[in-house]
Amino acid sequence: MDQQAQEMFLNFILERVQEGKEDEAKEILTENFKKLTEGTFSQEDIQVFLPKMISLLKPEKLEEVAGIVKQFAGEFGL
């Protein structure tokens, strides 16, 4: 995932997190983008990432974000 795609994904997610949770979400996403870039992002990372992100999202946005995350994971064979 190139820098522009990462930025778009980051903005998409940040628009859907609960008020006041944006910094935490950005930190989690940035850490995972770094692992993707380094080639060290794993299935285990996904298992840790998903519950954290779900807890930060607005409840009414869960289904929308889940669809995008599945598409994203599929592109990387995860």
Protein backbone atom coordinates (compact mmCIF):
# COMPACT_ATOMS: atom_id res chain seq x y z
CA MET A 1 0.00 0.00 0.00
CA ASP A 2 1.57 3.25 -1.09
CA GLN A 3 1.70 6.41 1.00
CA GLN A 4 -1.30 8.00 -0.73
CA ALA A 5 -3.47 4.91 -0.18
CA GLN A 6 -2.41 4.78 3.47
CA GLU A 7 -3.38 8.43 3.91
CA MET A 8 -6.79 7.82 2.32
CA PHE A 9 -7.42 4.77 4.52
CA LEU A 10 -6.29 6.68 7.61
CA ASN A 11 -8.63 9.57 6.86
CA PHE A 12 -11.51 7.20 6.12
CA ILE A 13 -11.10 5.49 9.51
CA LEU A 14 -10.50 8.70 11.47
CA GLU A 15 -13.77 10.13 10.16
CA ARG A 16 -15.55 7.12 11.68
CA VAL A 17 -14.01 6.87 15.14
CA GLN A 18 -15.65 8.11 18.30
CA GLU A 19 -15.05 11.69 19.37
CA GLY A 20 -11.80 11.97 21.30
CA LYS A 21 -10.45 8.64 20.05
CA GLU A 22 -8.79 9.98 16.90
CA ASP A 23 -5.24 10.11 18.29
CA GLU A 24 -5.41 6.53 19.56
CA ALA A 25 -6.77 5.30 16.23
CA LYS A 26 -4.11 7.20 14.29
CA GLU A 27 -1.36 5.68 16.44
CA ILE A 28 -2.67 2.14 15.88
CA LEU A 29 -3.01 2.65 12.14
CA THR A 30 0.40 4.29 11.78
CA GLU A 31 2.04 1.38 13.61
CA ASN A 32 0.35 -1.13 11.31
CA PHE A 33 1.21 0.86 8.17
CA LYS A 34 4.85 0.75 9.26
CA LYS A 35 4.66 -3.04 9.57
CA LEU A 36 3.03 -3.27 6.13
CA THR A 37 5.81 -1.17 4.62
CA GLU A 38 8.46 -3.31 6.33
CA GLY A 39 6.74 -6.51 5.23
CA THR A 40 6.24 -7.70 8.81
CA PHE A 41 2.43 -7.29 9.06
CA SER A 42 0.97 -10.67 10.02
CA GLN A 43 -2.26 -12.49 10.75
CA GLU A 44 -1.47 -12.01 14.45
CA ASP A 45 -1.29 -8.24 13.89
CA ILE A 46 -4.76 -8.35 12.36
CA GLN A 47 -6.10 -10.27 15.37
CA VAL A 48 -4.76 -7.54 17.69
CA PHE A 49 -5.67 -4.64 15.39
CA LEU A 50 -9.33 -5.47 14.77
CA PRO A 51 -10.62 -5.54 18.37
CA LYS A 52 -8.77 -2.31 19.16
CA MET A 53 -10.17 -0.51 16.14
CA ILE A 54 -13.69 -1.85 16.67
CA SER A 55 -13.67 -0.44 20.19
CA LEU A 56 -12.77 3.02 18.83
CA LEU A 57 -15.33 3.19 16.02
CA LYS A 58 -18.74 4.79 16.18
CA PRO A 59 -21.22 1.91 16.52
CA GLU A 60 -23.19 3.02 13.47
CA LYS A 61 -20.02 2.87 11.33
CA LEU A 62 -18.94 -0.70 12.18
CA GLU A 63 -20.56 -2.38 9.18
CA GLU A 64 -19.19 0.19 6.72
CA VAL A 65 -15.66 -0.10 8.10
CA ALA A 66 -15.82 -3.91 8.25
CA GLY A 67 -16.50 -4.01 4.51
CA ILE A 68 -13.53 -1.80 3.71
CA VAL A 69 -11.21 -3.74 6.04
CA LYS A 70 -12.20 -7.05 4.40
CA GLN A 71 -11.47 -5.57 0.98
CA PHE A 72 -8.15 -4.19 2.24
CA ALA A 73 -7.14 -7.52 3.81
CA GLY A 74 -8.05 -9.40 0.65
CA GLU A 75 -5.75 -7.23 -1.43
CA PHE A 76 -2.85 -8.28 0.78
CA GLY A 77 -3.82 -11.94 1.03
CA LEU A 78 -4.41 -11.65 4.76
